[in-house]
PDB file of N, CA and C in Angstrom:
ATOM      1  N   MET A   1     -38.167  63.438 -31.601  1.00  0.00           N
ATOM      2  CA  MET A   1     -38.103  64.406 -30.568  1.00  0.00           C
ATOM      3  C   MET A   1     -38.669  63.947 -29.225  1.00  0.00           C
ATOM      4  N   LEU A   2     -37.875  64.118 -28.272  1.00  0.00           N
ATOM      5  CA  LEU A   2     -38.142  63.659 -26.762  1.00  0.00           C
ATOM      6  C   LEU A   2     -38.761  64.977 -26.421  1.00  0.00           C
ATOM      7  N   THR A   3     -39.664  64.768 -25.614  1.00  0.00           N
ATOM      8  CA  THR A   3     -40.331  65.758 -24.580  1.00  0.00           C
ATOM      9  C   THR A   3     -39.563  66.220 -23.240  1.00  0.00           C
ATOM     10  N   PRO A   4     -39.522  67.383 -23.165  1.00  0.00           N
ATOM     11  CA  PRO A   4     -38.984  67.763 -21.913  1.00  0.00           C
ATOM     12  C   PRO A   4     -39.675  67.429 -20.540  1.00  0.00           C
ATOM     13  N   GLY A   5     -38.348  66.991 -19.605  1.00  0.00           N
ATOM     14  CA  GLY A   5     -39.714  66.358 -18.311  1.00  0.00           C
ATOM     15  C   GLY A   5     -38.862  64.882 -17.966  1.00  0.00           C
ATOM     16  N   ASN A   6     -39.516  64.190 -17.281  1.00  0.00           N
ATOM     17  CA  ASN A   6     -39.601  63.000 -16.473  1.00  0.00           C
ATOM     18  C   ASN A   6     -40.107  61.910 -17.554  1.00  0.00           C
ATOM     19  N   VAL A   7     -39.880  61.098 -18.419  1.00  0.00           N
ATOM     20  CA  VAL A   7     -40.401  60.263 -19.450  1.00  0.00           C
ATOM     21  C   VAL A   7     -40.586  58.908 -19.509  1.00  0.00           C
ATOM     22  N   SER A   8     -41.083  57.896 -19.390  1.00  0.00           N
ATOM     23  CA  SER A   8     -40.864  56.804 -18.752  1.00  0.00           C
ATOM     24  C   SER A   8     -39.764  55.907 -19.731  1.00  0.00           C
ATOM     25  N   ASP A   9     -38.722  55.236 -19.357  1.00  0.00           N
ATOM     26  CA  ASP A   9     -38.385  54.313 -20.744  1.00  0.00           C
ATOM     27  C   ASP A   9     -39.358  53.741 -21.763  1.00  0.00           C
ATOM     28  N   VAL A  10     -40.399  53.122 -21.498  1.00  0.00           N
ATOM     29  CA  VAL A  10     -41.583  52.687 -22.103  1.00  0.00           C
ATOM     30  C   VAL A  10     -41.562  53.829 -23.726  1.00  0.00           C
ATOM     31  N   LYS A  11     -41.977  54.926 -23.018  1.00  0.00           N
ATOM     32  CA  LYS A  11     -42.757  55.838 -23.894  1.00  0.00           C
ATOM     33  C   LYS A  11     -41.161  56.633 -24.483  1.00  0.00           C
ATOM     34  N   ALA A  12     -39.896  56.663 -24.190  1.00  0.00           N
ATOM     35  CA  ALA A  12     -38.815  57.132 -25.139  1.00  0.00           C
ATOM     36  C   ALA A  12     -37.831  55.957 -25.588  1.00  0.00           C
ATOM     37  N   ALA A  13     -38.442  55.026 -25.463  1.00  0.00           N
ATOM     38  CA  ALA A  13     -38.136  53.711 -26.300  1.00  0.00           C
ATOM     39  C   ALA A  13     -37.787  53.927 -28.328  1.00  0.00           C
ATOM     40  N   PRO A  14     -39.160  54.333 -28.513  1.00  0.00           N
ATOM     41  CA  PRO A  14     -39.244  54.438 -30.010  1.00  0.00           C
ATOM     42  C   PRO A  14     -38.455  55.603 -30.801  1.00  0.00           C
ATOM     43  N   ALA A  15     -38.364  56.110 -30.038  1.00  0.00           N
ATOM     44  CA  ALA A  15     -37.778  57.678 -30.724  1.00  0.00           C
ATOM     45  C   ALA A  15     -35.776  57.242 -31.046  1.00  0.00           C
ATOM     46  N   LEU A  16     -35.420  56.746 -29.175  1.00  0.00           N
ATOM     47  CA  LEU A  16     -34.357  55.645 -29.620  1.00  0.00           C
ATOM     48  C   LEU A  16     -34.100  55.098 -30.627  1.00  0.00           C
ATOM     49  N   LEU A  17     -34.832  53.745 -30.271  1.00  0.00           N
ATOM     50  CA  LEU A  17     -34.716  52.518 -31.597  1.00  0.00           C
ATOM     51  C   LEU A  17     -34.866  53.254 -32.715  1.00  0.00           C
ATOM     52  N   GLU A  18     -35.357  54.409 -33.046  1.00  0.00           N
ATOM     53  CA  GLU A  18     -35.439  54.958 -34.464  1.00  0.00           C
ATOM     54  C   GLU A  18     -33.846  54.908 -35.113  1.00  0.00           C
ATOM     55  N   ARG A  19     -32.713  55.469 -34.057  1.00  0.00           N
ATOM     56  CA  ARG A  19     -31.953  56.524 -34.424  1.00  0.00           C
ATOM     57  C   ARG A  19     -30.912  55.010 -34.221  1.00  0.00           C
ATOM     58  N   ALA A  20     -31.123  54.025 -33.166  1.00  0.00           N
ATOM     59  CA  ALA A  20     -29.881  53.122 -32.893  1.00  0.00           C
ATOM     60  C   ALA A  20     -29.559  52.087 -34.589  1.00  0.00           C
ATOM     61  N   GLY A  21     -30.275  52.458 -35.347  1.00  0.00           N
ATOM     62  CA  GLY A  21     -30.114  51.104 -36.293  1.00  0.00           C
ATOM     63  C   GLY A  21     -30.728  49.754 -36.369  1.00  0.00           C
ATOM     64  N   ARG A  22     -30.347  49.233 -36.934  1.00  0.00           N
ATOM     65  CA  ARG A  22     -30.507  47.344 -36.845  1.00  0.00           C
ATOM     66  C   ARG A  22     -29.715  46.938 -36.062  1.00  0.00           C
ATOM     67  N   MET A  23     -30.432  46.103 -35.070  1.00  0.00           N
ATOM     68  CA  MET A  23     -30.084  45.019 -34.134  1.00  0.00           C
ATOM     69  C   MET A  23     -30.169  43.667 -33.885  1.00  0.00           C
ATOM     70  N   ARG A  24     -29.721  42.630 -33.307  1.00  0.00           N
ATOM     71  CA  ARG A  24     -30.274  40.990 -33.257  1.00  0.00           C
ATOM     72  C   ARG A  24     -30.864  41.486 -32.422  1.00  0.00           C
ATOM     73  N   TYR A  25     -30.709  41.848 -31.375  1.00  0.00           N
ATOM     74  CA  TYR A  25     -31.187  41.440 -30.503  1.00  0.00           C
ATOM     75  C   TYR A  25     -31.553  42.863 -29.013  1.00  0.00           C
ATOM     76  N   LEU A  26     -32.126  43.149 -28.036  1.00  0.00           N
ATOM     77  CA  LEU A  26     -32.630  44.163 -27.182  1.00  0.00           C
ATOM     78  C   LEU A  26     -32.542  44.249 -26.035  1.00  0.00           C
ATOM     79  N   LEU A  27     -31.622  43.641 -25.373  1.00  0.00           N
ATOM     80  CA  LEU A  27     -31.267  43.594 -23.758  1.00  0.00           C
ATOM     81  C   LEU A  27     -32.123  45.092 -23.118  1.00  0.00           C
ATOM     82  N   GLY A  28     -32.996  44.700 -22.306  1.00  0.00           N
ATOM     83  CA  GLY A  28     -33.899  45.932 -21.226  1.00  0.00           C
ATOM     84  C   GLY A  28     -34.207  45.017 -19.925  1.00  0.00           C
ATOM     85  N   ASP A  29     -34.505  46.080 -19.314  1.00  0.00           N
ATOM     86  CA  ASP A  29     -34.644  45.362 -17.581  1.00  0.00           C
ATOM     87  C   ASP A  29     -36.103  45.606 -17.699  1.00  0.00           C
ATOM     88  N   LYS A  30     -37.091  45.536 -16.482  1.00  0.00           N
ATOM     89  CA  LYS A  30     -38.196  45.185 -16.382  1.00  0.00           C
ATOM     90  C   LYS A  30     -39.235  46.178 -16.738  1.00  0.00           C
ATOM     91  N   GLY A  31     -38.628  47.864 -16.929  1.00  0.00           N
ATOM     92  CA  GLY A  31     -38.858  48.883 -16.817  1.00  0.00           C
ATOM     93  C   GLY A  31     -39.231  48.901 -18.380  1.00  0.00           C
ATOM     94  N   TYR A  32     -38.693  48.219 -18.995  1.00  0.00           N
ATOM     95  CA  TYR A  32     -39.112  47.969 -20.724  1.00  0.00           C
ATOM     96  C   TYR A  32     -40.312  46.924 -21.209  1.00  0.00           C
ATOM     97  N   ASP A  33     -40.787  46.720 -19.841  1.00  0.00           N
ATOM     98  CA  ASP A  33     -41.699  45.459 -20.451  1.00  0.00           C
ATOM     99  C   ASP A  33     -43.077  45.947 -21.036  1.00  0.00           C
ATOM    100  N   ALA A  34     -43.249  46.206 -22.561  1.00  0.00           N
ATOM    101  CA  ALA A  34     -44.406  46.331 -22.946  1.00  0.00           C
ATOM    102  C   ALA A  34     -44.595  45.750 -24.155  1.00  0.00           C
ATOM    103  N   ASP A  35     -46.110  45.557 -24.398  1.00  0.00           N
ATOM    104  CA  ASP A  35     -46.196  44.354 -25.886  1.00  0.00           C
ATOM    105  C   ASP A  35     -45.775  45.140 -27.303  1.00  0.00           C
ATOM    106  N   ARG A  36     -46.222  46.655 -26.585  1.00  0.00           N
ATOM    107  CA  ARG A  36     -46.128  47.418 -28.396  1.00  0.00           C
ATOM    108  C   ARG A  36     -44.734  47.546 -28.180  1.00  0.00           C
ATOM    109  N   LEU A  37     -43.711  48.138 -27.112  1.00  0.00           N
ATOM    110  CA  LEU A  37     -42.453  47.359 -27.874  1.00  0.00           C
ATOM    111  C   LEU A  37     -41.978  46.410 -28.197  1.00  0.00           C
ATOM    112  N   ARG A  38     -41.940  45.350 -27.568  1.00  0.00           N
ATOM    113  CA  ARG A  38     -41.784  43.922 -27.930  1.00  0.00           C
ATOM    114  C   ARG A  38     -42.458  43.378 -29.258  1.00  0.00           C
ATOM    115  N   ARG A  39     -43.988  44.391 -29.465  1.00  0.00           N
ATOM    116  CA  ARG A  39     -44.134  44.152 -31.032  1.00  0.00           C
ATOM    117  C   ARG A  39     -42.881  44.670 -32.328  1.00  0.00           C
ATOM    118  N   SER A  40     -42.821  45.942 -31.710  1.00  0.00           N
ATOM    119  CA  SER A  40     -42.515  46.599 -32.366  1.00  0.00           C
ATOM    120  C   SER A  40     -40.213  45.954 -32.859  1.00  0.00           C
ATOM    121  N   LEU A  41     -40.277  45.908 -31.749  1.00  0.00           N
ATOM    122  CA  LEU A  41     -39.185  45.308 -31.913  1.00  0.00           C
ATOM    123  C   LEU A  41     -38.799  43.683 -32.858  1.00  0.00           C
ATOM    124  N   ARG A  42     -40.122  42.832 -32.697  1.00  0.00           N
ATOM    125  CA  ARG A  42     -39.557  41.918 -33.498  1.00  0.00           C
ATOM    126  C   ARG A  42     -40.014  42.125 -34.797  1.00  0.00           C
ATOM    127  N   GLU A  43     -41.096  43.532 -35.183  1.00  0.00           N
ATOM    128  CA  GLU A  43     -41.005  43.899 -36.287  1.00  0.00           C
ATOM    129  C   GLU A  43     -40.103  44.096 -37.392  1.00  0.00           C
ATOM    130  N   ALA A  44     -39.146  44.715 -36.582  1.00  0.00           N
ATOM    131  CA  ALA A  44     -37.700  44.907 -36.603  1.00  0.00           C
ATOM    132  C   ALA A  44     -36.458  43.868 -37.209  1.00  0.00           C
ATOM    133  N   GLY A  45     -37.223  42.876 -36.564  1.00  0.00           N
ATOM    134  CA  GLY A  45     -36.185  41.914 -37.017  1.00  0.00           C
ATOM    135  C   GLY A  45     -35.662  41.458 -35.447  1.00  0.00           C
ATOM    136  N   ALA A  46     -36.035  42.386 -34.394  1.00  0.00           N
ATOM    137  CA  ALA A  46     -34.608  42.146 -33.049  1.00  0.00           C
ATOM    138  C   ALA A  46     -35.936  40.983 -32.476  1.00  0.00           C
ATOM    139  N   LYS A  47     -34.334  40.262 -31.371  1.00  0.00           N
ATOM    140  CA  LYS A  47     -35.469  39.828 -30.323  1.00  0.00           C
ATOM    141  C   LYS A  47     -35.420  40.107 -29.049  1.00  0.00           C
ATOM    142  N   PRO A  48     -36.386  40.653 -28.428  1.00  0.00           N
ATOM    143  CA  PRO A  48     -36.507  40.947 -27.173  1.00  0.00           C
ATOM    144  C   PRO A  48     -35.862  40.274 -25.973  1.00  0.00           C
ATOM    145  N   VAL A  49     -34.887  40.532 -25.236  1.00  0.00           N
ATOM    146  CA  VAL A  49     -34.262  40.017 -23.995  1.00  0.00           C
ATOM    147  C   VAL A  49     -34.890  41.160 -23.147  1.00  0.00           C
ATOM    148  N   ILE A  50     -35.950  40.650 -22.135  1.00  0.00           N
ATOM    149  CA  ILE A  50     -36.996  41.783 -21.540  1.00  0.00           C
ATOM    150  C   ILE A  50     -37.694  40.951 -20.786  1.00  0.00           C
ATOM    151  N   PRO A  51     -37.071  40.446 -19.278  1.00  0.00           N
ATOM    152  CA  PRO A  51     -37.880  39.659 -18.478  1.00  0.00           C
ATOM    153  C   PRO A  51     -39.147  40.804 -18.260  1.00  0.00           C
ATOM    154  N   GLY A  52     -39.980  39.787 -18.083  1.00  0.00           N
ATOM    155  CA  GLY A  52     -41.738  40.167 -17.933  1.00  0.00           C
ATOM    156  C   GLY A  52     -41.553  41.283 -16.450  1.00  0.00           C
ATOM    157  N   ARG A  53     -42.010  41.663 -15.934  1.00  0.00           N
ATOM    158  CA  ARG A  53     -42.774  42.528 -14.630  1.00  0.00           C
ATOM    159  C   ARG A  53     -43.814  41.260 -14.146  1.00  0.00           C
ATOM    160  N   ARG A  54     -43.917  41.625 -12.774  1.00  0.00           N
ATOM    161  CA  ARG A  54     -44.717  40.605 -11.694  1.00  0.00           C
ATOM    162  C   ARG A  54     -46.055  40.214 -12.047  1.00  0.00           C
ATOM    163  N   ASN A  55     -46.428  41.215 -12.435  1.00  0.00           N
ATOM    164  CA  ASN A  55     -48.158  41.610 -11.892  1.00  0.00           C
ATOM    165  C   ASN A  55     -48.169  40.926 -13.949  1.00  0.00           C
ATOM    166  N   ARG A  56     -47.384  40.335 -14.593  1.00  0.00           N
ATOM    167  CA  ARG A  56     -48.395  40.399 -15.904  1.00  0.00           C
ATOM    168  C   ARG A  56     -49.282  38.400 -15.647  1.00  0.00           C
ATOM    169  N   LYS A  57     -50.349  38.651 -16.434  1.00  0.00           N
ATOM    170  CA  LYS A  57     -51.344  37.145 -16.554  1.00  0.00           C
ATOM    171  C   LYS A  57     -50.199  36.137 -16.664  1.00  0.00           C
ATOM    172  N   ARG A  58     -49.618  36.573 -18.387  1.00  0.00           N
ATOM    173  CA  ARG A  58     -48.590  35.392 -18.544  1.00  0.00           C
ATOM    174  C   ARG A  58     -47.068  35.859 -18.144  1.00  0.00           C
ATOM    175  N   ALA A  59     -46.382  34.473 -17.887  1.00  0.00           N
ATOM    176  CA  ALA A  59     -45.081  34.803 -17.721  1.00  0.00           C
ATOM    177  C   ALA A  59     -44.585  34.945 -19.207  1.00  0.00           C
ATOM    178  N   ILE A  60     -43.494  35.667 -18.946  1.00  0.00           N
ATOM    179  CA  ILE A  60     -42.570  35.955 -20.725  1.00  0.00           C
ATOM    180  C   ILE A  60     -41.664  35.130 -20.726  1.00  0.00           C
ATOM    181  N   ARG A  61     -41.524  34.826 -21.811  1.00  0.00           N
ATOM    182  CA  ARG A  61     -40.429  33.967 -21.730  1.00  0.00           C
ATOM    183  C   ARG A  61     -39.410  35.064 -22.015  1.00  0.00           C
ATOM    184  N   TYR A  62     -37.764  34.277 -21.989  1.00  0.00           N
ATOM    185  CA  TYR A  62     -36.598  35.625 -23.029  1.00  0.00           C
ATOM    186  C   TYR A  62     -35.505  34.661 -22.258  1.00  0.00           C
ATOM    187  N   ASP A  63     -34.486  35.297 -22.921  1.00  0.00           N
ATOM    188  CA  ASP A  63     -33.023  34.308 -23.560  1.00  0.00           C
ATOM    189  C   ASP A  63     -32.495  34.450 -21.819  1.00  0.00           C
ATOM    190  N   GLN A  64     -32.562  33.596 -20.853  1.00  0.00           N
ATOM    191  CA  GLN A  64     -31.838  33.814 -19.437  1.00  0.00           C
ATOM    192  C   GLN A  64     -30.696  34.284 -19.552  1.00  0.00           C
ATOM    193  N   GLU A  65     -29.372  33.306 -20.302  1.00  0.00           N
ATOM    194  CA  GLU A  65     -28.448  33.406 -20.555  1.00  0.00           C
ATOM    195  C   GLU A  65     -27.762  34.375 -21.562  1.00  0.00           C
ATOM    196  N   ARG A  66     -28.587  35.407 -22.239  1.00  0.00           N
ATOM    197  CA  ARG A  66     -28.217  36.586 -22.465  1.00  0.00           C
ATOM    198  C   ARG A  66     -28.033  37.609 -21.982  1.00  0.00           C
ATOM    199  N   TYR A  67     -29.288  37.699 -20.682  1.00  0.00           N
ATOM    200  CA  TYR A  67     -30.172  38.381 -19.881  1.00  0.00           C
ATOM    201  C   TYR A  67     -28.717  38.825 -18.903  1.00  0.00           C
ATOM    202  N   ARG A  68     -28.397  37.587 -18.680  1.00  0.00           N
ATOM    203  CA  ARG A  68     -26.951  37.434 -17.449  1.00  0.00           C
ATOM    204  C   ARG A  68     -26.140  38.419 -17.793  1.00  0.00           C
ATOM    205  N   GLY A  69     -25.707  38.604 -18.882  1.00  0.00           N
ATOM    206  CA  GLY A  69     -24.558  39.530 -19.613  1.00  0.00           C
ATOM    207  C   GLY A  69     -25.007  41.020 -19.198  1.00  0.00           C
ATOM    208  N   ARG A  70     -26.072  41.323 -19.452  1.00  0.00           N
ATOM    209  CA  ARG A  70     -26.645  42.805 -19.031  1.00  0.00           C
ATOM    210  C   ARG A  70     -25.689  43.181 -18.132  1.00  0.00           C
ATOM    211  N   HIS A  71     -25.417  42.541 -16.808  1.00  0.00           N
ATOM    212  CA  HIS A  71     -24.451  43.758 -16.071  1.00  0.00           C
ATOM    213  C   HIS A  71     -23.808  44.110 -16.190  1.00  0.00           C
ATOM    214  N   LEU A  72     -22.738  43.464 -17.450  1.00  0.00           N
ATOM    215  CA  LEU A  72     -21.007  44.017 -17.720  1.00  0.00           C
ATOM    216  C   LEU A  72     -21.889  45.424 -18.456  1.00  0.00           C
ATOM    217  N   ILE A  73     -22.551  45.555 -19.181  1.00  0.00           N
ATOM    218  CA  ILE A  73     -23.044  46.598 -19.491  1.00  0.00           C
ATOM    219  C   ILE A  73     -23.294  47.753 -18.710  1.00  0.00           C
ATOM    220  N   GLU A  74     -23.950  47.907 -17.236  1.00  0.00           N
ATOM    221  CA  GLU A  74     -24.708  48.357 -16.547  1.00  0.00           C
ATOM    222  C   GLU A  74     -23.758  48.678 -15.306  1.00  0.00           C
ATOM    223  N   SER A  75     -22.274  48.134 -15.613  1.00  0.00           N
ATOM    224  CA  SER A  75     -20.704  48.136 -14.666  1.00  0.00           C
ATOM    225  C   SER A  75     -19.917  49.056 -15.296  1.00  0.00           C
ATOM    226  N   ALA A  76     -20.170  48.989 -16.568  1.00  0.00           N
ATOM    227  CA  ALA A  76     -19.278  49.682 -17.735  1.00  0.00           C
ATOM    228  C   ALA A  76     -20.187  51.275 -17.994  1.00  0.00           C
ATOM    229  N   PHE A  77     -21.224  51.514 -17.404  1.00  0.00           N
ATOM    230  CA  PHE A  77     -21.869  52.459 -17.521  1.00  0.00           C
ATOM    231  C   PHE A  77     -21.768  53.241 -15.604  1.00  0.00           C
ATOM    232  N   CYS A  78     -21.666  52.424 -14.879  1.00  0.00           N
ATOM    233  CA  CYS A  78     -21.392  53.024 -13.834  1.00  0.00           C
ATOM    234  C   CYS A  78     -20.122  53.624 -13.416  1.00  0.00           C
ATOM    235  N   ARG A  79     -18.805  52.909 -14.106  1.00  0.00           N
ATOM    236  CA  ARG A  79     -17.594  53.374 -13.696  1.00  0.00           C
ATOM    237  C   ARG A  79     -17.457  54.302 -14.735  1.00  0.00           C
ATOM    238  N   LEU A  80     -18.202  54.711 -15.924  1.00  0.00           N
ATOM    239  CA  LEU A  80     -17.866  55.946 -16.293  1.00  0.00           C
ATOM    240  C   LEU A  80     -18.416  56.965 -15.692  1.00  0.00           C
ATOM    241  N   LYS A  81     -19.818  56.531 -15.082  1.00  0.00           N
ATOM    242  CA  LYS A  81     -20.060  58.118 -13.844  1.00  0.00           C
ATOM    243  C   LYS A  81     -19.614  58.351 -12.253  1.00  0.00           C
ATOM    244  N   ASP A  82     -18.554  57.697 -12.690  1.00  0.00           N
ATOM    245  CA  ASP A  82     -17.468  57.540 -11.194  1.00  0.00           C
ATOM    246  C   ASP A  82     -16.757  59.065 -11.626  1.00  0.00           C
ATOM    247  N   PHE A  83     -16.185  59.737 -13.155  1.00  0.00           N
ATOM    248  CA  PHE A  83     -16.062  60.560 -13.637  1.00  0.00           C
ATOM    249  C   PHE A  83     -16.447  61.673 -13.535  1.00  0.00           C
ATOM    250  N   ARG A  84     -16.405  63.033 -12.711  1.00  0.00           N
ATOM    251  CA  ARG A  84     -17.768  63.429 -12.401  1.00  0.00           C
ATOM    252  C   ARG A  84     -18.114  64.861 -13.413  1.00  0.00           C
ATOM    253  N   ARG A  85     -17.729  64.896 -14.713  1.00  0.00           N
ATOM    254  CA  ARG A  85     -17.582  65.061 -15.752  1.00  0.00           C
ATOM    255  C   ARG A  85     -18.910  65.078 -16.824  1.00  0.00           C
ATOM    256  N   VAL A  86     -18.326  62.941 -16.294  1.00  0.00           N
ATOM    257  CA  VAL A  86     -19.918  62.502 -17.191  1.00  0.00           C
ATOM    258  C   VAL A  86     -20.817  62.433 -16.224  1.00  0.00           C
ATOM    259  N   ALA A  87     -21.039  62.018 -15.333  1.00  0.00           N
ATOM    260  CA  ALA A  87     -22.099  61.988 -14.428  1.00  0.00           C
ATOM    261  C   ALA A  87     -22.723  63.033 -14.380  1.00  0.00           C
ATOM    262  N   THR A  88     -22.417  64.330 -14.049  1.00  0.00           N
ATOM    263  CA  THR A  88     -23.388  65.301 -14.140  1.00  0.00           C
ATOM    264  C   THR A  88     -23.809  66.286 -15.641  1.00  0.00           C
ATOM    265  N   ARG A  89     -23.005  65.802 -16.781  1.00  0.00           N
ATOM    266  CA  ARG A  89     -23.275  65.956 -17.750  1.00  0.00           C
ATOM    267  C   ARG A  89     -22.685  67.413 -17.814  1.00  0.00           C
ATOM    268  N   TYR A  90     -21.427  67.691 -17.596  1.00  0.00           N
ATOM    269  CA  TYR A  90     -20.969  69.089 -17.211  1.00  0.00           C
ATOM    270  C   TYR A  90     -21.008  69.789 -18.655  1.00  0.00           C
ATOM    271  N   ASP A  91     -20.975  69.432 -19.761  1.00  0.00           N
ATOM    272  CA  ASP A  91     -20.792  69.925 -20.912  1.00  0.00           C
ATOM    273  C   ASP A  91     -21.962  70.469 -21.559  1.00  0.00           C
ATOM    274  N   LYS A  92     -22.553  71.367 -22.196  1.00  0.00           N
ATOM    275  CA  LYS A  92     -23.498  71.627 -22.805  1.00  0.00           C
ATOM    276  C   LYS A  92     -23.927  71.104 -24.427  1.00  0.00           C
ATOM    277  N   LEU A  93     -22.193  71.234 -24.811  1.00  0.00           N
ATOM    278  CA  LEU A  93     -21.959  70.857 -26.398  1.00  0.00           C
ATOM    279  C   LEU A  93     -21.911  69.188 -26.729  1.00  0.00           C
ATOM    280  N   ALA A  94     -23.021  68.812 -27.630  1.00  0.00           N
ATOM    281  CA  ALA A  94     -23.227  67.218 -27.525  1.00  0.00           C
ATOM    282  C   ALA A  94     -21.511  66.734 -28.186  1.00  0.00           C
ATOM    283  N   ALA A  95     -20.632  67.411 -28.837  1.00  0.00           N
ATOM    284  CA  ALA A  95     -19.225  67.216 -28.830  1.00  0.00           C
ATOM    285  C   ALA A  95     -18.378  67.166 -27.986  1.00  0.00           C
ATOM    286  N   ASN A  96     -18.409  67.929 -26.929  1.00  0.00           N
ATOM    287  CA  ASN A  96     -17.617  68.191 -25.924  1.00  0.00           C
ATOM    288  C   ASN A  96     -17.808  67.048 -24.937  1.00  0.00           C
ATOM    289  N   PHE A  97     -19.278  66.703 -24.540  1.00  0.00           N
ATOM    290  CA  PHE A  97     -19.609  65.924 -23.830  1.00  0.00           C
ATOM    291  C   PHE A  97     -19.175  64.462 -24.312  1.00  0.00           C
ATOM    292  N   LEU A  98     -19.086  63.965 -25.604  1.00  0.00           N
ATOM    293  CA  LEU A  98     -19.200  63.057 -26.549  1.00  0.00           C
ATOM    294  C   LEU A  98     -17.110  62.892 -26.049  1.00  0.00           C
ATOM    295  N   SER A  99     -16.382  63.868 -26.398  1.00  0.00           N
ATOM    296  CA  SER A  99     -15.109  63.603 -26.038  1.00  0.00           C
ATOM    297  C   SER A  99     -15.034  63.697 -24.393  1.00  0.00           C
ATOM    298  N   GLY A 100     -15.432  63.826 -23.089  1.00  0.00           N
ATOM    299  CA  GLY A 100     -15.778  63.546 -22.092  1.00  0.00           C
ATOM    300  C   GLY A 100     -15.762  62.278 -21.769  1.00  0.00           C
ATOM    301  N   VAL A 101     -16.679  61.803 -22.849  1.00  0.00           N
ATOM    302  CA  VAL A 101     -17.381  59.978 -22.131  1.00  0.00           C
ATOM    303  C   VAL A 101     -15.598  59.988 -23.010  1.00  0.00           C
ATOM    304  N   ALA A 102     -15.132  59.945 -24.344  1.00  0.00           N
ATOM    305  CA  ALA A 102     -14.035  58.972 -24.672  1.00  0.00           C
ATOM    306  C   ALA A 102     -12.920  59.336 -23.627  1.00  0.00           C
ATOM    307  N   LEU A 103     -12.357  60.251 -22.945  1.00  0.00           N
ATOM    308  CA  LEU A 103     -11.507  60.236 -22.265  1.00  0.00           C
ATOM    309  C   LEU A 103     -12.027  59.596 -21.238  1.00  0.00           C
ATOM    310  N   ALA A 104     -12.826  59.588 -20.327  1.00  0.00           N
ATOM    311  CA  ALA A 104     -13.226  59.069 -19.759  1.00  0.00           C
ATOM    312  C   ALA A 104     -13.317  57.268 -19.751  1.00  0.00           C
ATOM    313  N   THR A 105     -13.393  56.791 -20.538  1.00  0.00           N
ATOM    314  CA  THR A 105     -13.169  55.783 -21.450  1.00  0.00           C
ATOM    315  C   THR A 105     -11.911  54.677 -21.365  1.00  0.00           C
ATOM    316  N   VAL A 106     -11.170  55.768 -21.850  1.00  0.00           N
ATOM    317  CA  VAL A 106      -9.772  55.368 -22.200  1.00  0.00           C
ATOM    318  C   VAL A 106      -9.097  55.222 -20.643  1.00  0.00           C
ATOM    319  N   PHE A 107      -9.430  56.256 -19.619  1.00  0.00           N
ATOM    320  CA  PHE A 107      -8.975  56.513 -18.139  1.00  0.00           C
ATOM    321  C   PHE A 107      -9.844  55.452 -17.274  1.00  0.00           C
ATOM    322  N   ALA A 108     -10.557  54.666 -17.866  1.00  0.00           N
ATOM    323  CA  ALA A 108     -11.305  53.552 -16.668  1.00  0.00           C
ATOM    324  C   ALA A 108     -11.163  52.305 -17.217  1.00  0.00           C
ATOM    325  N   PHE A 109     -10.953  51.975 -18.628  1.00  0.00           N
ATOM    326  CA  PHE A 109     -10.402  51.145 -19.314  1.00  0.00           C
ATOM    327  C   PHE A 109      -9.558  50.338 -19.424  1.00  0.00           C
ATOM    328  N   ARG A 110      -8.392  51.460 -19.595  1.00  0.00           N
ATOM    329  CA  ARG A 110      -6.934  51.651 -20.080  1.00  0.00           C
ATOM    330  C   ARG A 110      -6.757  50.623 -21.258  1.00  0.00           C
ATOM    331  N   LEU A 111      -7.755  52.002 -22.613  1.00  0.00           N
ATOM    332  CA  LEU A 111      -7.495  51.504 -23.801  1.00  0.00           C
ATOM    333  C   LEU A 111      -6.426  51.449 -24.256  1.00  0.00           C
TER     334      LEU A 111
END
């Protein structure tokens, strides 16, 4: 369970990954650059595709080709946030919010 308030991405990642299930790759931005997270991903059989921060003493190698595709995911979330109901999380119940996201997805991407 996540604690209330602002929690950094790296601290919230284990709880999210627990629910995500099995994956081959995890694409993340520099906010997810932590040795502990990278280690746990590798132990779970996933390959981290996360660039290292500038202040790292040793450069981190990552799949730059795969990382370039990350903007598609970011763009999709940005497009969904054009819908006020999704952007403001207007619905209190998770089922209602998910229904709103589904409708926004249909309208945004003409599925």
